[in-house]
Amino acid sequence: MRVAVAVLLVALAGCVENSGPDAGVCAEPAITIDVSLTAETMDPAGIDVCRNQDVTLLIETDVEGVIHIHGYDEQVPATQLDVGETRLAFTAARSGQFPVELHPQEDPTGIEVGVFTVHEP
């Protein structure tokens, strides 16, 4: 059982390191990504960046609420969204996959709308 778990963890780590942005994108010190957000979806649903990049998310939304990235609370605190564009800027300090959750104003329970993935350069 331990061997199976270890093999699974190595395989998952390989996915985070090897998929996503190519080496040229990872060589860039900063990246800006346009994101479209509705009450139920985020486009793109998967945001891929590289560890240590300065990330700017330009979020265009038609819904009011709060957005946060689970596991990235220190770098990106929960942020109030108003209809229009919201800018989130931070450094991708930890690699891994982190759910993006939206808490719409009319339904504060929270909806997972995407995944923020930080790859090893």
PDB file of N, CA and C in Angstrom:
ATOM      1  N   MET A   1       0.828  -1.189   0.000  1.00  0.00           N
ATOM      2  CA  MET A   1       0.000   0.000   0.000  1.00  0.00           C
ATOM      3  C   MET A   1       0.875   1.257   0.000  1.00  0.00           C
ATOM      4  N   ARG A   2       1.913   1.294   0.822  1.00  0.00           N
ATOM      5  CA  ARG A   2       2.799   2.461   0.867  1.00  0.00           C
ATOM      6  C   ARG A   2       3.488   2.691  -0.469  1.00  0.00           C
ATOM      7  N   VAL A   3       3.878   1.600  -1.117  1.00  0.00           N
ATOM      8  CA  VAL A   3       4.535   1.715  -2.419  1.00  0.00           C
ATOM      9  C   VAL A   3       3.566   2.313  -3.439  1.00  0.00           C
ATOM     10  N   ALA A   4       2.314   1.866  -3.430  1.00  0.00           N
ATOM     11  CA  ALA A   4       1.319   2.392  -4.366  1.00  0.00           C
ATOM     12  C   ALA A   4       1.095   3.885  -4.143  1.00  0.00           C
ATOM     13  N   VAL A   5       1.023   4.297  -2.880  1.00  0.00           N
ATOM     14  CA  VAL A   5       0.843   5.711  -2.567  1.00  0.00           C
ATOM     15  C   VAL A   5       2.063   6.509  -3.020  1.00  0.00           C
ATOM     16  N   ALA A   6       3.249   5.988  -2.804  1.00  0.00           N
ATOM     17  CA  ALA A   6       4.473   6.685  -3.220  1.00  0.00           C
ATOM     18  C   ALA A   6       4.521   6.827  -4.745  1.00  0.00           C
ATOM     19  N   VAL A   7       4.141   5.774  -5.460  1.00  0.00           N
ATOM     20  CA  VAL A   7       4.133   5.836  -6.921  1.00  0.00           C
ATOM     21  C   VAL A   7       3.122   6.876  -7.396  1.00  0.00           C
ATOM     22  N   LEU A   8       1.950   6.918  -6.773  1.00  0.00           N
ATOM     23  CA  LEU A   8       0.928   7.897  -7.135  1.00  0.00           C
ATOM     24  C   LEU A   8       1.423   9.323  -6.892  1.00  0.00           C
ATOM     25  N   LEU A   9       2.064   9.564  -5.763  1.00  0.00           N
ATOM     26  CA  LEU A   9       2.581  10.906  -5.460  1.00  0.00           C
ATOM     27  C   LEU A   9       3.652  11.332  -6.460  1.00  0.00           C
ATOM     28  N   VAL A  10       4.537  10.419  -6.833  1.00  0.00           N
ATOM     29  CA  VAL A  10       5.571  10.738  -7.823  1.00  0.00           C
ATOM     30  C   VAL A  10       4.920  11.047  -9.168  1.00  0.00           C
ATOM     31  N   ALA A  11       3.913  10.275  -9.550  1.00  0.00           N
ATOM     32  CA  ALA A  11       3.224  10.512 -10.825  1.00  0.00           C
ATOM     33  C   ALA A  11       2.523  11.863 -10.821  1.00  0.00           C
ATOM     34  N   LEU A  12       1.867  12.198  -9.717  1.00  0.00           N
ATOM     35  CA  LEU A  12       1.191  13.491  -9.633  1.00  0.00           C
ATOM     36  C   LEU A  12       2.192  14.637  -9.655  1.00  0.00           C
ATOM     37  N   ALA A  13       3.292  14.499  -8.966  1.00  0.00           N
ATOM     38  CA  ALA A  13       4.324  15.544  -8.977  1.00  0.00           C
ATOM     39  C   ALA A  13       4.857  15.735 -10.388  1.00  0.00           C
ATOM     40  N   GLY A  14       5.023  14.654 -11.112  1.00  0.00           N
ATOM     41  CA  GLY A  14       5.484  14.749 -12.495  1.00  0.00           C
ATOM     42  C   GLY A  14       4.494  15.497 -13.362  1.00  0.00           C
ATOM     43  N   CYS A  15       3.201  15.329 -13.096  1.00  0.00           N
ATOM     44  CA  CYS A  15       2.188  16.059 -13.871  1.00  0.00           C
ATOM     45  C   CYS A  15       2.299  17.556 -13.638  1.00  0.00           C
ATOM     46  N   VAL A  16       2.514  17.960 -12.390  1.00  0.00           N
ATOM     47  CA  VAL A  16       2.612  19.380 -12.075  1.00  0.00           C
ATOM     48  C   VAL A  16       3.873  19.963 -12.688  1.00  0.00           C
ATOM     49  N   GLU A  17       4.969  19.205 -12.676  1.00  0.00           N
ATOM     50  CA  GLU A  17       6.226  19.721 -13.196  1.00  0.00           C
ATOM     51  C   GLU A  17       6.254  19.756 -14.720  1.00  0.00           C
ATOM     52  N   ASN A  18       5.659  18.775 -15.388  1.00  0.00           N
ATOM     53  CA  ASN A  18       5.875  18.612 -16.818  1.00  0.00           C
ATOM     54  C   ASN A  18       4.747  19.109 -17.714  1.00  0.00           C
ATOM     55  N   SER A  19       3.554  19.314 -17.181  1.00  0.00           N
ATOM     56  CA  SER A  19       2.477  19.823 -18.021  1.00  0.00           C
ATOM     57  C   SER A  19       2.313  21.311 -17.776  1.00  0.00           C
ATOM     58  N   GLY A  20       1.568  21.973 -18.642  1.00  0.00           N
ATOM     59  CA  GLY A  20       1.345  23.397 -18.442  1.00  0.00           C
ATOM     60  C   GLY A  20       2.277  24.231 -19.281  1.00  0.00           C
ATOM     61  N   PRO A  21       2.720  25.370 -18.745  1.00  0.00           N
ATOM     62  CA  PRO A  21       3.530  26.302 -19.531  1.00  0.00           C
ATOM     63  C   PRO A  21       4.832  25.670 -20.016  1.00  0.00           C
ATOM     64  N   ASP A  22       5.266  26.089 -21.204  1.00  0.00           N
ATOM     65  CA  ASP A  22       6.536  25.581 -21.699  1.00  0.00           C
ATOM     66  C   ASP A  22       7.691  26.346 -21.041  1.00  0.00           C
ATOM     67  N   ALA A  23       8.887  25.911 -21.289  1.00  0.00           N
ATOM     68  CA  ALA A  23      10.071  26.495 -20.650  1.00  0.00           C
ATOM     69  C   ALA A  23      10.200  27.983 -20.941  1.00  0.00           C
ATOM     70  N   GLY A  24       9.797  28.418 -22.134  1.00  0.00           N
ATOM     71  CA  GLY A  24       9.876  29.839 -22.470  1.00  0.00           C
ATOM     72  C   GLY A  24       8.990  30.690 -21.584  1.00  0.00           C
ATOM     73  N   VAL A  25       7.781  30.188 -21.305  1.00  0.00           N
ATOM     74  CA  VAL A  25       6.868  30.910 -20.418  1.00  0.00           C
ATOM     75  C   VAL A  25       7.438  30.929 -19.001  1.00  0.00           C
ATOM     76  N   CYS A  26       7.998  29.819 -18.568  1.00  0.00           N
ATOM     77  CA  CYS A  26       8.559  29.751 -17.217  1.00  0.00           C
ATOM     78  C   CYS A  26       9.779  30.653 -17.064  1.00  0.00           C
ATOM     79  N   ALA A  27      10.464  30.963 -18.158  1.00  0.00           N
ATOM     80  CA  ALA A  27      11.632  31.841 -18.088  1.00  0.00           C
ATOM     81  C   ALA A  27      11.232  33.300 -17.865  1.00  0.00           C
ATOM     82  N   GLU A  28       9.960  33.636 -18.157  1.00  0.00           N
ATOM     83  CA  GLU A  28       9.485  35.004 -17.956  1.00  0.00           C
ATOM     84  C   GLU A  28       9.324  35.271 -16.456  1.00  0.00           C
ATOM     85  N   PRO A  29       9.806  36.414 -15.968  1.00  0.00           N
ATOM     86  CA  PRO A  29       9.674  36.700 -14.534  1.00  0.00           C
ATOM     87  C   PRO A  29       8.244  37.056 -14.130  1.00  0.00           C
ATOM     88  N   ALA A  30       7.413  37.477 -15.096  1.00  0.00           N
ATOM     89  CA  ALA A  30       6.042  37.878 -14.777  1.00  0.00           C
ATOM     90  C   ALA A  30       5.097  37.401 -15.869  1.00  0.00           C
ATOM     91  N   ILE A  31       3.840  37.169 -15.482  1.00  0.00           N
ATOM     92  CA  ILE A  31       2.823  36.726 -16.419  1.00  0.00           C
ATOM     93  C   ILE A  31       1.505  37.407 -16.062  1.00  0.00           C
ATOM     94  N   THR A  32       0.770  37.818 -17.092  1.00  0.00           N
ATOM     95  CA  THR A  32      -0.559  38.394 -16.914  1.00  0.00           C
ATOM     96  C   THR A  32      -1.553  37.510 -17.644  1.00  0.00           C
ATOM     97  N   ILE A  33      -2.643  37.159 -16.953  1.00  0.00           N
ATOM     98  CA  ILE A  33      -3.639  36.259 -17.524  1.00  0.00           C
ATOM     99  C   ILE A  33      -5.012  36.916 -17.410  1.00  0.00           C
ATOM    100  N   ASP A  34      -5.720  36.977 -18.538  1.00  0.00           N
ATOM    101  CA  ASP A  34      -7.095  37.469 -18.555  1.00  0.00           C
ATOM    102  C   ASP A  34      -8.026  36.328 -18.168  1.00  0.00           C
ATOM    103  N   VAL A  35      -8.927  36.608 -17.236  1.00  0.00           N
ATOM    104  CA  VAL A  35      -9.863  35.606 -16.734  1.00  0.00           C
ATOM    105  C   VAL A  35     -11.274  36.175 -16.832  1.00  0.00           C
ATOM    106  N   SER A  36     -12.191  35.362 -17.325  1.00  0.00           N
ATOM    107  CA  SER A  36     -13.603  35.729 -17.391  1.00  0.00           C
ATOM    108  C   SER A  36     -14.338  34.891 -16.347  1.00  0.00           C
ATOM    109  N   LEU A  37     -15.172  35.546 -15.540  1.00  0.00           N
ATOM    110  CA  LEU A  37     -15.821  34.847 -14.430  1.00  0.00           C
ATOM    111  C   LEU A  37     -17.316  35.121 -14.437  1.00  0.00           C
ATOM    112  N   THR A  38     -18.097  34.042 -14.325  1.00  0.00           N
ATOM    113  CA  THR A  38     -19.546  34.155 -14.136  1.00  0.00           C
ATOM    114  C   THR A  38     -19.864  33.571 -12.764  1.00  0.00           C
ATOM    115  N   ALA A  39     -21.135  33.491 -12.431  1.00  0.00           N
ATOM    116  CA  ALA A  39     -21.530  32.939 -11.135  1.00  0.00           C
ATOM    117  C   ALA A  39     -21.216  31.458 -11.005  1.00  0.00           C
ATOM    118  N   GLU A  40     -20.935  30.784 -12.129  1.00  0.00           N
ATOM    119  CA  GLU A  40     -20.712  29.339 -12.088  1.00  0.00           C
ATOM    120  C   GLU A  40     -19.441  28.860 -12.762  1.00  0.00           C
ATOM    121  N   THR A  41     -18.804  29.700 -13.585  1.00  0.00           N
ATOM    122  CA  THR A  41     -17.643  29.233 -14.340  1.00  0.00           C
ATOM    123  C   THR A  41     -16.535  30.278 -14.395  1.00  0.00           C
ATOM    124  N   MET A  42     -15.335  29.784 -14.653  1.00  0.00           N
ATOM    125  CA  MET A  42     -14.172  30.634 -14.872  1.00  0.00           C
ATOM    126  C   MET A  42     -13.563  30.200 -16.203  1.00  0.00           C
ATOM    127  N   ASP A  43     -13.159  31.171 -17.015  1.00  0.00           N
ATOM    128  CA  ASP A  43     -12.539  30.863 -18.301  1.00  0.00           C
ATOM    129  C   ASP A  43     -11.240  31.656 -18.414  1.00  0.00           C
ATOM    130  N   PRO A  44     -10.106  31.003 -18.489  1.00  0.00           N
ATOM    131  CA  PRO A  44      -9.928  29.552 -18.549  1.00  0.00           C
ATOM    132  C   PRO A  44     -10.205  28.912 -17.190  1.00  0.00           C
ATOM    133  N   ALA A  45     -10.669  27.656 -17.214  1.00  0.00           N
ATOM    134  CA  ALA A  45     -10.964  26.931 -15.976  1.00  0.00           C
ATOM    135  C   ALA A  45      -9.685  26.538 -15.248  1.00  0.00           C
ATOM    136  N   GLY A  46      -8.599  26.407 -15.996  1.00  0.00           N
ATOM    137  CA  GLY A  46      -7.302  26.090 -15.407  1.00  0.00           C
ATOM    138  C   GLY A  46      -6.310  27.203 -15.700  1.00  0.00           C
ATOM    139  N   ILE A  47      -5.718  27.746 -14.653  1.00  0.00           N
ATOM    140  CA  ILE A  47      -4.705  28.786 -14.790  1.00  0.00           C
ATOM    141  C   ILE A  47      -3.358  28.148 -14.466  1.00  0.00           C
ATOM    142  N   ASP A  48      -2.414  28.220 -15.420  1.00  0.00           N
ATOM    143  CA  ASP A  48      -1.101  27.605 -15.255  1.00  0.00           C
ATOM    144  C   ASP A  48      -0.021  28.672 -15.238  1.00  0.00           C
ATOM    145  N   VAL A  49       0.795  28.653 -14.177  1.00  0.00           N
ATOM    146  CA  VAL A  49       1.931  29.561 -14.050  1.00  0.00           C
ATOM    147  C   VAL A  49       3.111  28.754 -13.522  1.00  0.00           C
ATOM    148  N   CYS A  50       4.242  29.417 -13.327  1.00  0.00           N
ATOM    149  CA  CYS A  50       5.427  28.739 -12.805  1.00  0.00           C
ATOM    150  C   CYS A  50       5.828  29.339 -11.457  1.00  0.00           C
ATOM    151  N   ARG A  51       6.398  28.490 -10.622  1.00  0.00           N
ATOM    152  CA  ARG A  51       6.834  28.944  -9.303  1.00  0.00           C
ATOM    153  C   ARG A  51       7.799  30.117  -9.445  1.00  0.00           C
ATOM    154  N   ASN A  52       7.643  31.083  -8.567  1.00  0.00           N
ATOM    155  CA  ASN A  52       8.429  32.315  -8.469  1.00  0.00           C
ATOM    156  C   ASN A  52       8.071  33.366  -9.506  1.00  0.00           C
ATOM    157  N   GLN A  53       7.073  33.116 -10.356  1.00  0.00           N
ATOM    158  CA  GLN A  53       6.627  34.155 -11.285  1.00  0.00           C
ATOM    159  C   GLN A  53       5.752  35.160 -10.542  1.00  0.00           C
ATOM    160  N   ASP A  54       5.850  36.419 -10.953  1.00  0.00           N
ATOM    161  CA  ASP A  54       4.907  37.434 -10.508  1.00  0.00           C
ATOM    162  C   ASP A  54       3.680  37.281 -11.394  1.00  0.00           C
ATOM    163  N   VAL A  55       2.539  37.036 -10.777  1.00  0.00           N
ATOM    164  CA  VAL A  55       1.308  36.729 -11.495  1.00  0.00           C
ATOM    165  C   VAL A  55       0.332  37.892 -11.343  1.00  0.00           C
ATOM    166  N   THR A  56      -0.268  38.286 -12.454  1.00  0.00           N
ATOM    167  CA  THR A  56      -1.367  39.247 -12.429  1.00  0.00           C
ATOM    168  C   THR A  56      -2.555  38.590 -13.106  1.00  0.00           C
ATOM    169  N   LEU A  57      -3.655  38.478 -12.369  1.00  0.00           N
ATOM    170  CA  LEU A  57      -4.903  37.971 -12.924  1.00  0.00           C
ATOM    171  C   LEU A  57      -5.823  39.161 -13.134  1.00  0.00           C
ATOM    172  N   LEU A  58      -6.239  39.377 -14.371  1.00  0.00           N
ATOM    173  CA  LEU A  58      -7.205  40.422 -14.696  1.00  0.00           C
ATOM    174  C   LEU A  58      -8.554  39.736 -14.840  1.00  0.00           C
ATOM    175  N   ILE A  59      -9.375  39.854 -13.807  1.00  0.00           N
ATOM    176  CA  ILE A  59     -10.633  39.117 -13.737  1.00  0.00           C
ATOM    177  C   ILE A  59     -11.781  40.017 -14.173  1.00  0.00           C
ATOM    178  N   GLU A  60     -12.397  39.657 -15.282  1.00  0.00           N
ATOM    179  CA  GLU A  60     -13.586  40.352 -15.787  1.00  0.00           C
ATOM    180  C   GLU A  60     -14.790  39.536 -15.334  1.00  0.00           C
ATOM    181  N   THR A  61     -15.712  40.166 -14.590  1.00  0.00           N
ATOM    182  CA  THR A  61     -16.826  39.413 -14.030  1.00  0.00           C
ATOM    183  C   THR A  61     -18.150  40.148 -14.176  1.00  0.00           C
ATOM    184  N   ASP A  62     -19.209  39.356 -14.230  1.00  0.00           N
ATOM    185  CA  ASP A  62     -20.554  39.918 -14.260  1.00  0.00           C
ATOM    186  C   ASP A  62     -21.295  39.605 -12.965  1.00  0.00           C
ATOM    187  N   VAL A  63     -20.555  39.238 -11.923  1.00  0.00           N
ATOM    188  CA  VAL A  63     -21.163  38.860 -10.656  1.00  0.00           C
ATOM    189  C   VAL A  63     -20.399  39.514  -9.499  1.00  0.00           C
ATOM    190  N   GLU A  64     -21.112  39.870  -8.449  1.00  0.00           N
ATOM    191  CA  GLU A  64     -20.477  40.380  -7.239  1.00  0.00           C
ATOM    192  C   GLU A  64     -20.299  39.220  -6.271  1.00  0.00           C
ATOM    193  N   GLY A  65     -19.240  39.268  -5.498  1.00  0.00           N
ATOM    194  CA  GLY A  65     -18.975  38.221  -4.530  1.00  0.00           C
ATOM    195  C   GLY A  65     -17.548  38.284  -4.043  1.00  0.00           C
ATOM    196  N   VAL A  66     -17.074  37.164  -3.537  1.00  0.00           N
ATOM    197  CA  VAL A  66     -15.711  37.053  -3.024  1.00  0.00           C
ATOM    198  C   VAL A  66     -15.039  35.874  -3.710  1.00  0.00           C
ATOM    199  N   ILE A  67     -13.788  36.066  -4.126  1.00  0.00           N
ATOM    200  CA  ILE A  67     -13.011  34.996  -4.753  1.00  0.00           C
ATOM    201  C   ILE A  67     -11.788  34.718  -3.891  1.00  0.00           C
ATOM    202  N   HIS A  68     -11.415  33.451  -3.820  1.00  0.00           N
ATOM    203  CA  HIS A  68     -10.155  33.105  -3.152  1.00  0.00           C
ATOM    204  C   HIS A  68      -9.588  31.821  -3.738  1.00  0.00           C
ATOM    205  N   ILE A  69      -8.281  31.676  -3.541  1.00  0.00           N
ATOM    206  CA  ILE A  69      -7.554  30.501  -4.021  1.00  0.00           C
ATOM    207  C   ILE A  69      -7.160  29.698  -2.790  1.00  0.00           C
ATOM    208  N   HIS A  70      -7.772  28.528  -2.614  1.00  0.00           N
ATOM    209  CA  HIS A  70      -7.473  27.682  -1.457  1.00  0.00           C
ATOM    210  C   HIS A  70      -5.987  27.345  -1.419  1.00  0.00           C
ATOM    211  N   GLY A  71      -5.367  27.511  -0.263  1.00  0.00           N
ATOM    212  CA  GLY A  71      -3.952  27.200  -0.121  1.00  0.00           C
ATOM    213  C   GLY A  71      -3.041  28.352  -0.488  1.00  0.00           C
ATOM    214  N   TYR A  72      -3.584  29.432  -1.008  1.00  0.00           N
ATOM    215  CA  TYR A  72      -2.800  30.609  -1.377  1.00  0.00           C
ATOM    216  C   TYR A  72      -3.296  31.840  -0.605  1.00  0.00           C
ATOM    217  N   ASP A  73      -3.858  31.596   0.581  1.00  0.00           N
ATOM    218  CA  ASP A  73      -4.476  32.662   1.358  1.00  0.00           C
ATOM    219  C   ASP A  73      -3.495  33.752   1.788  1.00  0.00           C
ATOM    220  N   GLU A  74      -2.240  33.390   2.033  1.00  0.00           N
ATOM    221  CA  GLU A  74      -1.247  34.403   2.427  1.00  0.00           C
ATOM    222  C   GLU A  74      -0.864  35.294   1.249  1.00  0.00           C
ATOM    223  N   GLN A  75      -0.712  34.720   0.070  1.00  0.00           N
ATOM    224  CA  GLN A  75      -0.327  35.497  -1.104  1.00  0.00           C
ATOM    225  C   GLN A  75      -1.523  36.250  -1.688  1.00  0.00           C
ATOM    226  N   VAL A  76      -2.706  35.623  -1.650  1.00  0.00           N
ATOM    227  CA  VAL A  76      -3.908  36.201  -2.249  1.00  0.00           C
ATOM    228  C   VAL A  76      -5.053  36.080  -1.249  1.00  0.00           C
ATOM    229  N   PRO A  77      -5.235  37.084  -0.400  1.00  0.00           N
ATOM    230  CA  PRO A  77      -6.361  37.006   0.539  1.00  0.00           C
ATOM    231  C   PRO A  77      -7.687  37.002  -0.225  1.00  0.00           C
ATOM    232  N   ALA A  78      -8.739  36.515   0.427  1.00  0.00           N
ATOM    233  CA  ALA A  78     -10.069  36.560  -0.182  1.00  0.00           C
ATOM    234  C   ALA A  78     -10.327  37.988  -0.650  1.00  0.00           C
ATOM    235  N   THR A  79     -10.806  38.120  -1.887  1.00  0.00           N
ATOM    236  CA  THR A  79     -10.931  39.430  -2.525  1.00  0.00           C
ATOM    237  C   THR A  79     -12.366  39.680  -2.964  1.00  0.00           C
ATOM    238  N   GLN A  80     -12.878  40.848  -2.610  1.00  0.00           N
ATOM    239  CA  GLN A  80     -14.219  41.265  -3.035  1.00  0.00           C
ATOM    240  C   GLN A  80     -14.210  41.553  -4.529  1.00  0.00           C
ATOM    241  N   LEU A  81     -15.184  40.999  -5.241  1.00  0.00           N
ATOM    242  CA  LEU A  81     -15.352  41.259  -6.670  1.00  0.00           C
ATOM    243  C   LEU A  81     -16.583  42.118  -6.878  1.00  0.00           C
ATOM    244  N   ASP A  82     -16.449  43.117  -7.715  1.00  0.00           N
ATOM    245  CA  ASP A  82     -17.580  43.901  -8.176  1.00  0.00           C
ATOM    246  C   ASP A  82     -17.706  43.656  -9.673  1.00  0.00           C
ATOM    247  N   VAL A  83     -18.880  43.912 -10.227  1.00  0.00           N
ATOM    248  CA  VAL A  83     -19.072  43.758 -11.665  1.00  0.00           C
ATOM    249  C   VAL A  83     -18.040  44.636 -12.374  1.00  0.00           C
ATOM    250  N   GLY A  84     -17.366  44.072 -13.359  1.00  0.00           N
ATOM    251  CA  GLY A  84     -16.307  44.772 -14.077  1.00  0.00           C
ATOM    252  C   GLY A  84     -15.003  44.015 -13.931  1.00  0.00           C
ATOM    253  N   GLU A  85     -13.892  44.759 -13.814  1.00  0.00           N
ATOM    254  CA  GLU A  85     -12.579  44.124 -13.768  1.00  0.00           C
ATOM    255  C   GLU A  85     -11.932  44.287 -12.396  1.00  0.00           C
ATOM    256  N   THR A  86     -11.368  43.195 -11.910  1.00  0.00           N
ATOM    257  CA  THR A  86     -10.608  43.176 -10.669  1.00  0.00           C
ATOM    258  C   THR A  86      -9.221  42.657 -10.985  1.00  0.00           C
ATOM    259  N   ARG A  87      -8.216  43.278 -10.397  1.00  0.00           N
ATOM    260  CA  ARG A  87      -6.818  42.893 -10.641  1.00  0.00           C
ATOM    261  C   ARG A  87      -6.259  42.247  -9.378  1.00  0.00           C
ATOM    262  N   LEU A  88      -5.747  41.021  -9.522  1.00  0.00           N
ATOM    263  CA  LEU A  88      -5.051  40.341  -8.431  1.00  0.00           C
ATOM    264  C   LEU A  88      -3.587  40.188  -8.840  1.00  0.00           C
ATOM    265  N   ALA A  89      -2.680  40.670  -8.014  1.00  0.00           N
ATOM    266  CA  ALA A  89      -1.246  40.555  -8.314  1.00  0.00           C
ATOM    267  C   ALA A  89      -0.546  39.940  -7.111  1.00  0.00           C
ATOM    268  N   PHE A  90       0.294  38.922  -7.385  1.00  0.00           N
ATOM    269  CA  PHE A  90       0.991  38.205  -6.324  1.00  0.00           C
ATOM    270  C   PHE A  90       2.121  37.391  -6.930  1.00  0.00           C
ATOM    271  N   THR A  91       2.953  36.817  -6.083  1.00  0.00           N
ATOM    272  CA  THR A  91       4.029  35.936  -6.528  1.00  0.00           C
ATOM    273  C   THR A  91       3.612  34.492  -6.279  1.00  0.00           C
ATOM    274  N   ALA A  92       3.792  33.639  -7.273  1.00  0.00           N
ATOM    275  CA  ALA A  92       3.474  32.216  -7.151  1.00  0.00           C
ATOM    276  C   ALA A  92       4.604  31.543  -6.374  1.00  0.00           C
ATOM    277  N   ALA A  93       4.460  31.489  -5.075  1.00  0.00           N
ATOM    278  CA  ALA A  93       5.537  31.041  -4.198  1.00  0.00           C
ATOM    279  C   ALA A  93       5.597  29.534  -3.990  1.00  0.00           C
ATOM    280  N   ARG A  94       4.465  28.843  -4.149  1.00  0.00           N
ATOM    281  CA  ARG A  94       4.429  27.396  -3.897  1.00  0.00           C
ATOM    282  C   ARG A  94       3.877  26.669  -5.101  1.00  0.00           C
ATOM    283  N   SER A  95       4.499  25.545  -5.434  1.00  0.00           N
ATOM    284  CA  SER A  95       3.987  24.739  -6.544  1.00  0.00           C
ATOM    285  C   SER A  95       2.879  23.816  -6.049  1.00  0.00           C
ATOM    286  N   GLY A  96       2.015  23.434  -6.975  1.00  0.00           N
ATOM    287  CA  GLY A  96       0.911  22.541  -6.659  1.00  0.00           C
ATOM    288  C   GLY A  96      -0.342  22.979  -7.380  1.00  0.00           C
ATOM    289  N   GLN A  97      -1.446  22.335  -7.033  1.00  0.00           N
ATOM    290  CA  GLN A  97      -2.739  22.676  -7.610  1.00  0.00           C
ATOM    291  C   GLN A  97      -3.646  23.191  -6.502  1.00  0.00           C
ATOM    292  N   PHE A  98      -4.313  24.321  -6.771  1.00  0.00           N
ATOM    293  CA  PHE A  98      -5.081  25.014  -5.759  1.00  0.00           C
ATOM    294  C   PHE A  98      -6.459  25.377  -6.323  1.00  0.00           C
ATOM    295  N   PRO A  99      -7.547  24.908  -5.679  1.00  0.00           N
ATOM    296  CA  PRO A  99      -8.889  25.231  -6.164  1.00  0.00           C
ATOM    297  C   PRO A  99      -9.183  26.734  -6.049  1.00  0.00           C
ATOM    298  N   VAL A 100      -9.852  27.259  -7.069  1.00  0.00           N
ATOM    299  CA  VAL A 100     -10.316  28.646  -7.058  1.00  0.00           C
ATOM    300  C   VAL A 100     -11.803  28.597  -6.717  1.00  0.00           C
ATOM    301  N   GLU A 101     -12.191  29.341  -5.691  1.00  0.00           N
ATOM    302  CA  GLU A 101     -13.580  29.301  -5.235  1.00  0.00           C
ATOM    303  C   GLU A 101     -14.195  30.688  -5.273  1.00  0.00           C
ATOM    304  N   LEU A 102     -15.429  30.733  -5.743  1.00  0.00           N
ATOM    305  CA  LEU A 102     -16.207  31.963  -5.804  1.00  0.00           C
ATOM    306  C   LEU A 102     -17.357  31.859  -4.817  1.00  0.00           C
ATOM    307  N   HIS A 103     -17.552  32.918  -4.054  1.00  0.00           N
ATOM    308  CA  HIS A 103     -18.697  33.039  -3.149  1.00  0.00           C
ATOM    309  C   HIS A 103     -19.562  34.178  -3.687  1.00  0.00           C
ATOM    310  N   PRO A 104     -20.527  33.856  -4.567  1.00  0.00           N
ATOM    311  CA  PRO A 104     -21.374  34.921  -5.116  1.00  0.00           C
ATOM    312  C   PRO A 104     -22.152  35.630  -4.014  1.00  0.00           C
ATOM    313  N   GLN A 105     -22.422  36.913  -4.222  1.00  0.00           N
ATOM    314  CA  GLN A 105     -23.146  37.722  -3.247  1.00  0.00           C
ATOM    315  C   GLN A 105     -24.463  37.061  -2.851  1.00  0.00           C
ATOM    316  N   GLU A 106     -25.203  36.520  -3.840  1.00  0.00           N
ATOM    317  CA  GLU A 106     -26.516  35.945  -3.552  1.00  0.00           C
ATOM    318  C   GLU A 106     -26.453  34.516  -3.021  1.00  0.00           C
ATOM    319  N   ASP A 107     -25.288  33.868  -3.044  1.00  0.00           N
ATOM    320  CA  ASP A 107     -25.136  32.501  -2.546  1.00  0.00           C
ATOM    321  C   ASP A 107     -23.738  32.339  -1.960  1.00  0.00           C
ATOM    322  N   PRO A 108     -23.523  32.784  -0.712  1.00  0.00           N
ATOM    323  CA  PRO A 108     -22.172  32.794  -0.141  1.00  0.00           C
ATOM    324  C   PRO A 108     -21.592  31.427   0.228  1.00  0.00           C
ATOM    325  N   THR A 109     -22.277  30.317  -0.110  1.00  0.00           N
ATOM    326  CA  THR A 109     -21.747  29.004   0.250  1.00  0.00           C
ATOM    327  C   THR A 109     -20.475  28.645  -0.500  1.00  0.00           C
ATOM    328  N   GLY A 110     -20.278  29.174  -1.677  1.00  0.00           N
ATOM    329  CA  GLY A 110     -19.041  28.925  -2.416  1.00  0.00           C
ATOM    330  C   GLY A 110     -19.180  27.890  -3.506  1.00  0.00           C
ATOM    331  N   ILE A 111     -18.577  28.193  -4.656  1.00  0.00           N
ATOM    332  CA  ILE A 111     -18.598  27.315  -5.822  1.00  0.00           C
ATOM    333  C   ILE A 111     -17.170  27.227  -6.347  1.00  0.00           C
ATOM    334  N   GLU A 112     -16.671  26.002  -6.520  1.00  0.00           N
ATOM    335  CA  GLU A 112     -15.351  25.841  -7.132  1.00  0.00           C
ATOM    336  C   GLU A 112     -15.493  26.105  -8.627  1.00  0.00           C
ATOM    337  N   VAL A 113     -14.770  27.128  -9.104  1.00  0.00           N
ATOM    338  CA  VAL A 113     -14.903  27.524 -10.511  1.00  0.00           C
ATOM    339  C   VAL A 113     -13.679  27.197 -11.357  1.00  0.00           C
ATOM    340  N   GLY A 114     -12.584  26.794 -10.723  1.00  0.00           N
ATOM    341  CA  GLY A 114     -11.383  26.489 -11.498  1.00  0.00           C
ATOM    342  C   GLY A 114     -10.245  26.013 -10.624  1.00  0.00           C
ATOM    343  N   VAL A 115      -9.090  25.848 -11.261  1.00  0.00           N
ATOM    344  CA  VAL A 115      -7.883  25.381 -10.570  1.00  0.00           C
ATOM    345  C   VAL A 115      -6.703  26.266 -10.959  1.00  0.00           C
ATOM    346  N   PHE A 116      -5.970  26.707  -9.969  1.00  0.00           N
ATOM    347  CA  PHE A 116      -4.742  27.482 -10.149  1.00  0.00           C
ATOM    348  C   PHE A 116      -3.586  26.504  -9.956  1.00  0.00           C
ATOM    349  N   THR A 117      -2.789  26.296 -11.014  1.00  0.00           N
ATOM    350  CA  THR A 117      -1.697  25.333 -10.955  1.00  0.00           C
ATOM    351  C   THR A 117      -0.373  26.065 -11.076  1.00  0.00           C
ATOM    352  N   VAL A 118       0.521  25.802 -10.131  1.00  0.00           N
ATOM    353  CA  VAL A 118       1.851  26.392 -10.128  1.00  0.00           C
ATOM    354  C   VAL A 118       2.842  25.274 -10.408  1.00  0.00           C
ATOM    355  N   HIS A 119       3.539  25.375 -11.547  1.00  0.00           N
ATOM    356  CA  HIS A 119       4.465  24.350 -11.997  1.00  0.00           C
ATOM    357  C   HIS A 119       5.893  24.699 -11.548  1.00  0.00           C
ATOM    358  N   GLU A 120       6.703  23.685 -11.436  1.00  0.00           N
ATOM    359  CA  GLU A 120       8.134  23.896 -11.199  1.00  0.00           C
ATOM    360  C   GLU A 120       8.754  24.352 -12.520  1.00  0.00           C
ATOM    361  N   PRO A 121       9.621  25.372 -12.467  1.00  0.00           N
ATOM    362  CA  PRO A 121      10.232  25.860 -13.725  1.00  0.00           C
ATOM    363  C   PRO A 121      11.170  24.834 -14.335  1.00  0.00           C
TER     364      PRO A 121
END
